[in-house]
Amino acid sequence: MDTLTMLEEMQQRARRDAAVKSALLATRTEADPLSAFCKCARSLGYELYPMEVVQAGEDFYASYRRSTNGGGENSPLLEGQDDFYEMFFATI
């Protein structure tokens, strides 16, 4: 299962299960929130690691930039669109 699929499944699970949502939200207060988030995800059965989340966001953003206006320097600068960690919490 790829990173995006895991994140989507976890979002759906968090929307249905208040305990899962609470556990995931609690990771935001940790010293290293992304690592804590991934550790929580692994405890829920999702093999997710920090660099996978970062890489998925960067890959998505790079693909998006290449698809707009020829992918050159005139492509739109989208703030935060490469941060799947933050986008995850925005949707739950």
PDB file of N, CA and C in Angstrom:
ATOM      1  N   MET A   1       0.853  -1.174   0.000  1.00  0.00           N
ATOM      2  CA  MET A   1       0.000   0.000   0.000  1.00  0.00           C
ATOM      3  C   MET A   1       0.899   1.237   0.000  1.00  0.00           C
ATOM      4  N   ASP A   2       0.589   2.193  -0.849  1.00  0.00           N
ATOM      5  CA  ASP A   2       1.422   3.387  -0.914  1.00  0.00           C
ATOM      6  C   ASP A   2       1.044   4.389   0.187  1.00  0.00           C
ATOM      7  N   THR A   3       1.887   5.376   0.355  1.00  0.00           N
ATOM      8  CA  THR A   3       1.731   6.353   1.443  1.00  0.00           C
ATOM      9  C   THR A   3       0.408   7.097   1.356  1.00  0.00           C
ATOM     10  N   LEU A   4       0.040   7.540   0.162  1.00  0.00           N
ATOM     11  CA  LEU A   4      -1.212   8.277   0.008  1.00  0.00           C
ATOM     12  C   LEU A   4      -2.416   7.426   0.405  1.00  0.00           C
ATOM     13  N   THR A   5      -2.411   6.180   0.019  1.00  0.00           N
ATOM     14  CA  THR A   5      -3.510   5.283   0.365  1.00  0.00           C
ATOM     15  C   THR A   5      -3.586   5.091   1.875  1.00  0.00           C
ATOM     16  N   MET A   6      -2.422   4.924   2.512  1.00  0.00           N
ATOM     17  CA  MET A   6      -2.415   4.768   3.965  1.00  0.00           C
ATOM     18  C   MET A   6      -2.964   6.009   4.655  1.00  0.00           C
ATOM     19  N   LEU A   7      -2.542   7.180   4.202  1.00  0.00           N
ATOM     20  CA  LEU A   7      -3.022   8.425   4.807  1.00  0.00           C
ATOM     21  C   LEU A   7      -4.529   8.574   4.622  1.00  0.00           C
ATOM     22  N   GLU A   8      -5.021   8.242   3.436  1.00  0.00           N
ATOM     23  CA  GLU A   8      -6.463   8.337   3.185  1.00  0.00           C
ATOM     24  C   GLU A   8      -7.245   7.377   4.075  1.00  0.00           C
ATOM     25  N   GLU A   9      -6.743   6.157   4.217  1.00  0.00           N
ATOM     26  CA  GLU A   9      -7.421   5.191   5.086  1.00  0.00           C
ATOM     27  C   GLU A   9      -7.421   5.652   6.536  1.00  0.00           C
ATOM     28  N   MET A  10      -6.292   6.207   6.968  1.00  0.00           N
ATOM     29  CA  MET A  10      -6.217   6.702   8.348  1.00  0.00           C
ATOM     30  C   MET A  10      -7.161   7.881   8.556  1.00  0.00           C
ATOM     31  N   GLN A  11      -7.296   8.749   7.559  1.00  0.00           N
ATOM     32  CA  GLN A  11      -8.231   9.864   7.668  1.00  0.00           C
ATOM     33  C   GLN A  11      -9.653   9.340   7.842  1.00  0.00           C
ATOM     34  N   GLN A  12     -10.024   8.383   7.020  1.00  0.00           N
ATOM     35  CA  GLN A  12     -11.368   7.817   7.118  1.00  0.00           C
ATOM     36  C   GLN A  12     -11.584   7.139   8.470  1.00  0.00           C
ATOM     37  N   ARG A  13     -10.571   6.439   8.917  1.00  0.00           N
ATOM     38  CA  ARG A  13     -10.665   5.760  10.209  1.00  0.00           C
ATOM     39  C   ARG A  13     -10.798   6.771  11.348  1.00  0.00           C
ATOM     40  N   ALA A  14     -10.037   7.863  11.273  1.00  0.00           N
ATOM     41  CA  ALA A  14     -10.091   8.896  12.310  1.00  0.00           C
ATOM     42  C   ALA A  14     -11.445   9.593  12.332  1.00  0.00           C
ATOM     43  N   ARG A  15     -12.070   9.737  11.175  1.00  0.00           N
ATOM     44  CA  ARG A  15     -13.397  10.353  11.123  1.00  0.00           C
ATOM     45  C   ARG A  15     -14.460   9.465  11.765  1.00  0.00           C
ATOM     46  N   ARG A  16     -14.265   8.154  11.660  1.00  0.00           N
ATOM     47  CA  ARG A  16     -15.246   7.200  12.211  1.00  0.00           C
ATOM     48  C   ARG A  16     -15.003   6.872  13.676  1.00  0.00           C
ATOM     49  N   ASP A  17     -13.743   6.936  14.110  1.00  0.00           N
ATOM     50  CA  ASP A  17     -13.369   6.462  15.442  1.00  0.00           C
ATOM     51  C   ASP A  17     -12.723   7.596  16.239  1.00  0.00           C
ATOM     52  N   ALA A  18     -13.424   8.080  17.236  1.00  0.00           N
ATOM     53  CA  ALA A  18     -12.936   9.212  18.038  1.00  0.00           C
ATOM     54  C   ALA A  18     -11.634   8.892  18.761  1.00  0.00           C
ATOM     55  N   ALA A  19     -11.450   7.648  19.179  1.00  0.00           N
ATOM     56  CA  ALA A  19     -10.223   7.266  19.883  1.00  0.00           C
ATOM     57  C   ALA A  19      -9.013   7.353  18.956  1.00  0.00           C
ATOM     58  N   VAL A  20      -9.178   6.924  17.706  1.00  0.00           N
ATOM     59  CA  VAL A  20      -8.092   7.011  16.726  1.00  0.00           C
ATOM     60  C   VAL A  20      -7.781   8.478  16.441  1.00  0.00           C
ATOM     61  N   LYS A  21      -8.822   9.253  16.242  1.00  0.00           N
ATOM     62  CA  LYS A  21      -8.638  10.681  15.973  1.00  0.00           C
ATOM     63  C   LYS A  21      -7.898  11.354  17.128  1.00  0.00           C
ATOM     64  N   SER A  22      -8.299  11.049  18.343  1.00  0.00           N
ATOM     65  CA  SER A  22      -7.668  11.629  19.527  1.00  0.00           C
ATOM     66  C   SER A  22      -6.192  11.234  19.616  1.00  0.00           C
ATOM     67  N   ALA A  23      -5.904   9.956  19.350  1.00  0.00           N
ATOM     68  CA  ALA A  23      -4.507   9.485  19.402  1.00  0.00           C
ATOM     69  C   ALA A  23      -3.654  10.182  18.359  1.00  0.00           C
ATOM     70  N   LEU A  24      -4.193  10.344  17.161  1.00  0.00           N
ATOM     71  CA  LEU A  24      -3.432  11.010  16.098  1.00  0.00           C
ATOM     72  C   LEU A  24      -3.234  12.493  16.410  1.00  0.00           C
ATOM     73  N   LEU A  25      -4.274  13.139  16.899  1.00  0.00           N
ATOM     74  CA  LEU A  25      -4.154  14.565  17.247  1.00  0.00           C
ATOM     75  C   LEU A  25      -3.172  14.783  18.389  1.00  0.00           C
ATOM     76  N   ALA A  26      -3.082  13.849  19.309  1.00  0.00           N
ATOM     77  CA  ALA A  26      -2.164  13.974  20.446  1.00  0.00           C
ATOM     78  C   ALA A  26      -0.696  13.999  19.991  1.00  0.00           C
ATOM     79  N   THR A  27      -0.421  13.432  18.831  1.00  0.00           N
ATOM     80  CA  THR A  27       0.969  13.413  18.351  1.00  0.00           C
ATOM     81  C   THR A  27       1.475  14.814  18.018  1.00  0.00           C
ATOM     82  N   ARG A  28       0.576  15.734  17.797  1.00  0.00           N
ATOM     83  CA  ARG A  28       0.968  17.102  17.417  1.00  0.00           C
ATOM     84  C   ARG A  28       1.673  17.840  18.554  1.00  0.00           C
ATOM     85  N   THR A  29       1.517  17.376  19.781  1.00  0.00           N
ATOM     86  CA  THR A  29       2.137  18.049  20.924  1.00  0.00           C
ATOM     87  C   THR A  29       3.506  17.470  21.281  1.00  0.00           C
ATOM     88  N   GLU A  30       3.912  16.425  20.586  1.00  0.00           N
ATOM     89  CA  GLU A  30       5.202  15.777  20.863  1.00  0.00           C
ATOM     90  C   GLU A  30       6.359  16.649  20.378  1.00  0.00           C
ATOM     91  N   ALA A  31       7.548  16.370  20.895  1.00  0.00           N
ATOM     92  CA  ALA A  31       8.745  17.115  20.479  1.00  0.00           C
ATOM     93  C   ALA A  31       9.021  16.924  18.989  1.00  0.00           C
ATOM     94  N   ASP A  32       8.791  15.724  18.484  1.00  0.00           N
ATOM     95  CA  ASP A  32       8.950  15.425  17.058  1.00  0.00           C
ATOM     96  C   ASP A  32       7.606  14.883  16.566  1.00  0.00           C
ATOM     97  N   PRO A  33       6.682  15.786  16.203  1.00  0.00           N
ATOM     98  CA  PRO A  33       5.319  15.367  15.902  1.00  0.00           C
ATOM     99  C   PRO A  33       5.198  14.395  14.728  1.00  0.00           C
ATOM    100  N   LEU A  34       5.988  14.568  13.682  1.00  0.00           N
ATOM    101  CA  LEU A  34       5.880  13.678  12.532  1.00  0.00           C
ATOM    102  C   LEU A  34       6.299  12.258  12.890  1.00  0.00           C
ATOM    103  N   SER A  35       7.370  12.122  13.660  1.00  0.00           N
ATOM    104  CA  SER A  35       7.801  10.792  14.095  1.00  0.00           C
ATOM    105  C   SER A  35       6.752  10.149  15.005  1.00  0.00           C
ATOM    106  N   ALA A  36       6.186  10.941  15.900  1.00  0.00           N
ATOM    107  CA  ALA A  36       5.150  10.432  16.794  1.00  0.00           C
ATOM    108  C   ALA A  36       3.911  10.016  15.999  1.00  0.00           C
ATOM    109  N   PHE A  37       3.566  10.796  14.998  1.00  0.00           N
ATOM    110  CA  PHE A  37       2.439  10.481  14.125  1.00  0.00           C
ATOM    111  C   PHE A  37       2.666   9.140  13.426  1.00  0.00           C
ATOM    112  N   CYS A  38       3.848   8.952  12.881  1.00  0.00           N
ATOM    113  CA  CYS A  38       4.162   7.703  12.175  1.00  0.00           C
ATOM    114  C   CYS A  38       4.195   6.515  13.137  1.00  0.00           C
ATOM    115  N   LYS A  39       4.688   6.734  14.344  1.00  0.00           N
ATOM    116  CA  LYS A  39       4.691   5.666  15.346  1.00  0.00           C
ATOM    117  C   LYS A  39       3.252   5.268  15.684  1.00  0.00           C
ATOM    118  N   CYS A  40       2.387   6.252  15.825  1.00  0.00           N
ATOM    119  CA  CYS A  40       0.977   5.994  16.090  1.00  0.00           C
ATOM    120  C   CYS A  40       0.354   5.249  14.907  1.00  0.00           C
ATOM    121  N   ALA A  41       0.693   5.670  13.701  1.00  0.00           N
ATOM    122  CA  ALA A  41       0.179   5.010  12.498  1.00  0.00           C
ATOM    123  C   ALA A  41       0.605   3.541  12.471  1.00  0.00           C
ATOM    124  N   ARG A  42       1.855   3.273  12.822  1.00  0.00           N
ATOM    125  CA  ARG A  42       2.332   1.888  12.846  1.00  0.00           C
ATOM    126  C   ARG A  42       1.580   1.069  13.896  1.00  0.00           C
ATOM    127  N   SER A  43       1.258   1.712  15.028  1.00  0.00           N
ATOM    128  CA  SER A  43       0.502   0.988  16.061  1.00  0.00           C
ATOM    129  C   SER A  43      -0.917   0.673  15.585  1.00  0.00           C
ATOM    130  N   LEU A  44      -1.389   1.410  14.590  1.00  0.00           N
ATOM    131  CA  LEU A  44      -2.715   1.171  14.010  1.00  0.00           C
ATOM    132  C   LEU A  44      -2.659   0.219  12.821  1.00  0.00           C
ATOM    133  N   GLY A  45      -1.439  -0.236  12.487  1.00  0.00           N
ATOM    134  CA  GLY A  45      -1.299  -1.205  11.403  1.00  0.00           C
ATOM    135  C   GLY A  45      -0.851  -0.642  10.076  1.00  0.00           C
ATOM    136  N   TYR A  46      -0.424   0.607  10.061  1.00  0.00           N
ATOM    137  CA  TYR A  46       0.036   1.243   8.826  1.00  0.00           C
ATOM    138  C   TYR A  46       1.551   1.417   8.892  1.00  0.00           C
ATOM    139  N   GLU A  47       2.292   0.770   7.999  1.00  0.00           N
ATOM    140  CA  GLU A  47       3.757   0.873   7.978  1.00  0.00           C
ATOM    141  C   GLU A  47       4.135   2.213   7.366  1.00  0.00           C
ATOM    142  N   LEU A  48       4.186   3.224   8.189  1.00  0.00           N
ATOM    143  CA  LEU A  48       4.415   4.588   7.735  1.00  0.00           C
ATOM    144  C   LEU A  48       5.582   5.184   8.493  1.00  0.00           C
ATOM    145  N   TYR A  49       6.486   5.830   7.750  1.00  0.00           N
ATOM    146  CA  TYR A  49       7.687   6.425   8.328  1.00  0.00           C
ATOM    147  C   TYR A  49       7.797   7.877   7.882  1.00  0.00           C
ATOM    148  N   PRO A  50       8.463   8.720   8.682  1.00  0.00           N
ATOM    149  CA  PRO A  50       8.517  10.154   8.390  1.00  0.00           C
ATOM    150  C   PRO A  50       8.968  10.501   6.973  1.00  0.00           C
ATOM    151  N   MET A  51      10.032   9.878   6.506  1.00  0.00           N
ATOM    152  CA  MET A  51      10.526  10.248   5.171  1.00  0.00           C
ATOM    153  C   MET A  51       9.541   9.861   4.081  1.00  0.00           C
ATOM    154  N   GLU A  52       8.746   8.843   4.304  1.00  0.00           N
ATOM    155  CA  GLU A  52       7.730   8.476   3.314  1.00  0.00           C
ATOM    156  C   GLU A  52       6.669   9.562   3.198  1.00  0.00           C
ATOM    157  N   VAL A  53       6.280  10.147   4.327  1.00  0.00           N
ATOM    158  CA  VAL A  53       5.278  11.216   4.318  1.00  0.00           C
ATOM    159  C   VAL A  53       5.855  12.446   3.619  1.00  0.00           C
ATOM    160  N   VAL A  54       7.085  12.792   3.959  1.00  0.00           N
ATOM    161  CA  VAL A  54       7.739  13.951   3.345  1.00  0.00           C
ATOM    162  C   VAL A  54       7.895  13.731   1.846  1.00  0.00           C
ATOM    163  N   GLN A  55       8.390  12.555   1.462  1.00  0.00           N
ATOM    164  CA  GLN A  55       8.617  12.248   0.054  1.00  0.00           C
ATOM    165  C   GLN A  55       7.320  12.258  -0.742  1.00  0.00           C
ATOM    166  N   ALA A  56       6.251  11.732  -0.183  1.00  0.00           N
ATOM    167  CA  ALA A  56       4.960  11.717  -0.885  1.00  0.00           C
ATOM    168  C   ALA A  56       4.490  13.140  -1.167  1.00  0.00           C
ATOM    169  N   GLY A  57       4.658  14.023  -0.189  1.00  0.00           N
ATOM    170  CA  GLY A  57       4.268  15.417  -0.388  1.00  0.00           C
ATOM    171  C   GLY A  57       5.112  16.098  -1.437  1.00  0.00           C
ATOM    172  N   GLU A  58       6.405  15.866  -1.393  1.00  0.00           N
ATOM    173  CA  GLU A  58       7.303  16.488  -2.373  1.00  0.00           C
ATOM    174  C   GLU A  58       7.048  15.948  -3.770  1.00  0.00           C
ATOM    175  N   ASP A  59       6.823  14.648  -3.893  1.00  0.00           N
ATOM    176  CA  ASP A  59       6.532  14.054  -5.203  1.00  0.00           C
ATOM    177  C   ASP A  59       5.246  14.614  -5.791  1.00  0.00           C
ATOM    178  N   PHE A  60       4.210  14.719  -4.953  1.00  0.00           N
ATOM    179  CA  PHE A  60       2.939  15.263  -5.410  1.00  0.00           C
ATOM    180  C   PHE A  60       3.108  16.701  -5.887  1.00  0.00           C
ATOM    181  N   TYR A  61       3.801  17.500  -5.095  1.00  0.00           N
ATOM    182  CA  TYR A  61       3.983  18.913  -5.434  1.00  0.00           C
ATOM    183  C   TYR A  61       4.812  19.070  -6.706  1.00  0.00           C
ATOM    184  N   ALA A  62       5.871  18.268  -6.840  1.00  0.00           N
ATOM    185  CA  ALA A  62       6.710  18.343  -8.040  1.00  0.00           C
ATOM    186  C   ALA A  62       5.901  17.954  -9.274  1.00  0.00           C
ATOM    187  N   SER A  63       5.086  16.931  -9.145  1.00  0.00           N
ATOM    188  CA  SER A  63       4.243  16.501 -10.259  1.00  0.00           C
ATOM    189  C   SER A  63       3.250  17.593 -10.629  1.00  0.00           C
ATOM    190  N   TYR A  64       2.680  18.222  -9.631  1.00  0.00           N
ATOM    191  CA  TYR A  64       1.723  19.302  -9.873  1.00  0.00           C
ATOM    192  C   TYR A  64       2.396  20.468 -10.587  1.00  0.00           C
ATOM    193  N   ARG A  65       3.562  20.845 -10.124  1.00  0.00           N
ATOM    194  CA  ARG A  65       4.276  21.964 -10.755  1.00  0.00           C
ATOM    195  C   ARG A  65       4.643  21.650 -12.196  1.00  0.00           C
ATOM    196  N   ARG A  66       5.026  20.421 -12.472  1.00  0.00           N
ATOM    197  CA  ARG A  66       5.366  20.047 -13.846  1.00  0.00           C
ATOM    198  C   ARG A  66       4.138  20.104 -14.751  1.00  0.00           C
ATOM    199  N   SER A  67       2.964  19.886 -14.183  1.00  0.00           N
ATOM    200  CA  SER A  67       1.757  19.823 -15.002  1.00  0.00           C
ATOM    201  C   SER A  67       1.146  21.190 -15.281  1.00  0.00           C
ATOM    202  N   THR A  68       1.629  22.233 -14.643  1.00  0.00           N
ATOM    203  CA  THR A  68       1.046  23.557 -14.836  1.00  0.00           C
ATOM    204  C   THR A  68       2.004  24.471 -15.575  1.00  0.00           C
ATOM    205  N   ASN A  69       1.497  25.097 -16.596  1.00  0.00           N
ATOM    206  CA  ASN A  69       2.250  26.114 -17.319  1.00  0.00           C
ATOM    207  C   ASN A  69       3.627  25.616 -17.750  1.00  0.00           C
ATOM    208  N   GLY A  70       3.716  24.396 -18.193  1.00  0.00           N
ATOM    209  CA  GLY A  70       4.982  23.870 -18.676  1.00  0.00           C
ATOM    210  C   GLY A  70       5.954  23.479 -17.578  1.00  0.00           C
ATOM    211  N   GLY A  71       5.596  23.680 -16.334  1.00  0.00           N
ATOM    212  CA  GLY A  71       6.446  23.275 -15.226  1.00  0.00           C
ATOM    213  C   GLY A  71       7.644  24.165 -14.992  1.00  0.00           C
ATOM    214  N   GLY A  72       7.685  25.290 -15.625  1.00  0.00           N
ATOM    215  CA  GLY A  72       8.832  26.181 -15.465  1.00  0.00           C
ATOM    216  C   GLY A  72       8.725  27.068 -14.243  1.00  0.00           C
ATOM    217  N   GLU A  73       9.535  28.072 -14.222  1.00  0.00           N
ATOM    218  CA  GLU A  73       9.579  28.994 -13.089  1.00  0.00           C
ATOM    219  C   GLU A  73       8.292  29.784 -12.923  1.00  0.00           C
ATOM    220  N   ASN A  74       7.458  29.819 -13.959  1.00  0.00           N
ATOM    221  CA  ASN A  74       6.201  30.558 -13.860  1.00  0.00           C
ATOM    222  C   ASN A  74       5.079  29.728 -13.245  1.00  0.00           C
ATOM    223  N   SER A  75       5.378  28.502 -12.861  1.00  0.00           N
ATOM    224  CA  SER A  75       4.372  27.664 -12.224  1.00  0.00           C
ATOM    225  C   SER A  75       3.981  28.287 -10.883  1.00  0.00           C
ATOM    226  N   PRO A  76       2.744  28.071 -10.469  1.00  0.00           N
ATOM    227  CA  PRO A  76       2.295  28.702  -9.218  1.00  0.00           C
ATOM    228  C   PRO A  76       3.037  28.160  -7.996  1.00  0.00           C
ATOM    229  N   LEU A  77       3.318  29.036  -7.074  1.00  0.00           N
ATOM    230  CA  LEU A  77       3.919  28.649  -5.811  1.00  0.00           C
ATOM    231  C   LEU A  77       2.771  28.418  -4.829  1.00  0.00           C
ATOM    232  N   LEU A  78       2.611  27.189  -4.405  1.00  0.00           N
ATOM    233  CA  LEU A  78       1.521  26.825  -3.516  1.00  0.00           C
ATOM    234  C   LEU A  78       2.077  26.542  -2.140  1.00  0.00           C
ATOM    235  N   GLU A  79       1.800  27.394  -1.232  1.00  0.00           N
ATOM    236  CA  GLU A  79       2.333  27.236   0.114  1.00  0.00           C
ATOM    237  C   GLU A  79       1.612  26.124   0.857  1.00  0.00           C
ATOM    238  N   GLY A  80       2.381  25.182   1.373  1.00  0.00           N
ATOM    239  CA  GLY A  80       1.821  24.120   2.181  1.00  0.00           C
ATOM    240  C   GLY A  80       1.273  22.931   1.425  1.00  0.00           C
ATOM    241  N   GLN A  81       1.226  22.994   0.114  1.00  0.00           N
ATOM    242  CA  GLN A  81       0.654  21.898  -0.653  1.00  0.00           C
ATOM    243  C   GLN A  81       1.542  20.664  -0.679  1.00  0.00           C
ATOM    244  N   ASP A  82       2.781  20.793  -0.227  1.00  0.00           N
ATOM    245  CA  ASP A  82       3.674  19.641  -0.201  1.00  0.00           C
ATOM    246  C   ASP A  82       3.763  19.023   1.193  1.00  0.00           C
ATOM    247  N   ASP A  83       2.994  19.534   2.131  1.00  0.00           N
ATOM    248  CA  ASP A  83       3.056  19.064   3.511  1.00  0.00           C
ATOM    249  C   ASP A  83       1.865  18.158   3.811  1.00  0.00           C
ATOM    250  N   PHE A  84       1.996  16.875   3.470  1.00  0.00           N
ATOM    251  CA  PHE A  84       0.899  15.945   3.660  1.00  0.00           C
ATOM    252  C   PHE A  84       0.568  15.738   5.129  1.00  0.00           C
ATOM    253  N   TYR A  85       1.532  15.929   5.997  1.00  0.00           N
ATOM    254  CA  TYR A  85       1.289  15.804   7.435  1.00  0.00           C
ATOM    255  C   TYR A  85       0.257  16.846   7.875  1.00  0.00           C
ATOM    256  N   GLU A  86       0.478  18.096   7.525  1.00  0.00           N
ATOM    257  CA  GLU A  86      -0.458  19.160   7.905  1.00  0.00           C
ATOM    258  C   GLU A  86      -1.784  19.008   7.170  1.00  0.00           C
ATOM    259  N   MET A  87      -1.726  18.598   5.912  1.00  0.00           N
ATOM    260  CA  MET A  87      -2.946  18.419   5.151  1.00  0.00           C
ATOM    261  C   MET A  87      -3.795  17.288   5.738  1.00  0.00           C
ATOM    262  N   PHE A  88      -3.150  16.274   6.298  1.00  0.00           N
ATOM    263  CA  PHE A  88      -3.875  15.194   6.947  1.00  0.00           C
ATOM    264  C   PHE A  88      -4.752  15.736   8.065  1.00  0.00           C
ATOM    265  N   PHE A  89      -4.174  16.579   8.905  1.00  0.00           N
ATOM    266  CA  PHE A  89      -4.923  17.095  10.052  1.00  0.00           C
ATOM    267  C   PHE A  89      -5.982  18.114   9.630  1.00  0.00           C
ATOM    268  N   ALA A  90      -5.736  18.789   8.537  1.00  0.00           N
ATOM    269  CA  ALA A  90      -6.731  19.756   8.057  1.00  0.00           C
ATOM    270  C   ALA A  90      -8.013  19.051   7.623  1.00  0.00           C
ATOM    271  N   THR A  91      -7.895  17.791   7.224  1.00  0.00           N
ATOM    272  CA  THR A  91      -9.071  17.070   6.739  1.00  0.00           C
ATOM    273  C   THR A  91      -9.798  16.267   7.808  1.00  0.00           C
ATOM    274  N   ILE A  92      -9.168  16.080   8.969  1.00  0.00           N
ATOM    275  CA  ILE A  92      -9.884  15.341  10.008  1.00  0.00           C
ATOM    276  C   ILE A  92     -10.433  16.328  11.017  1.00  0.00           C
TER     277      ILE A  92
END
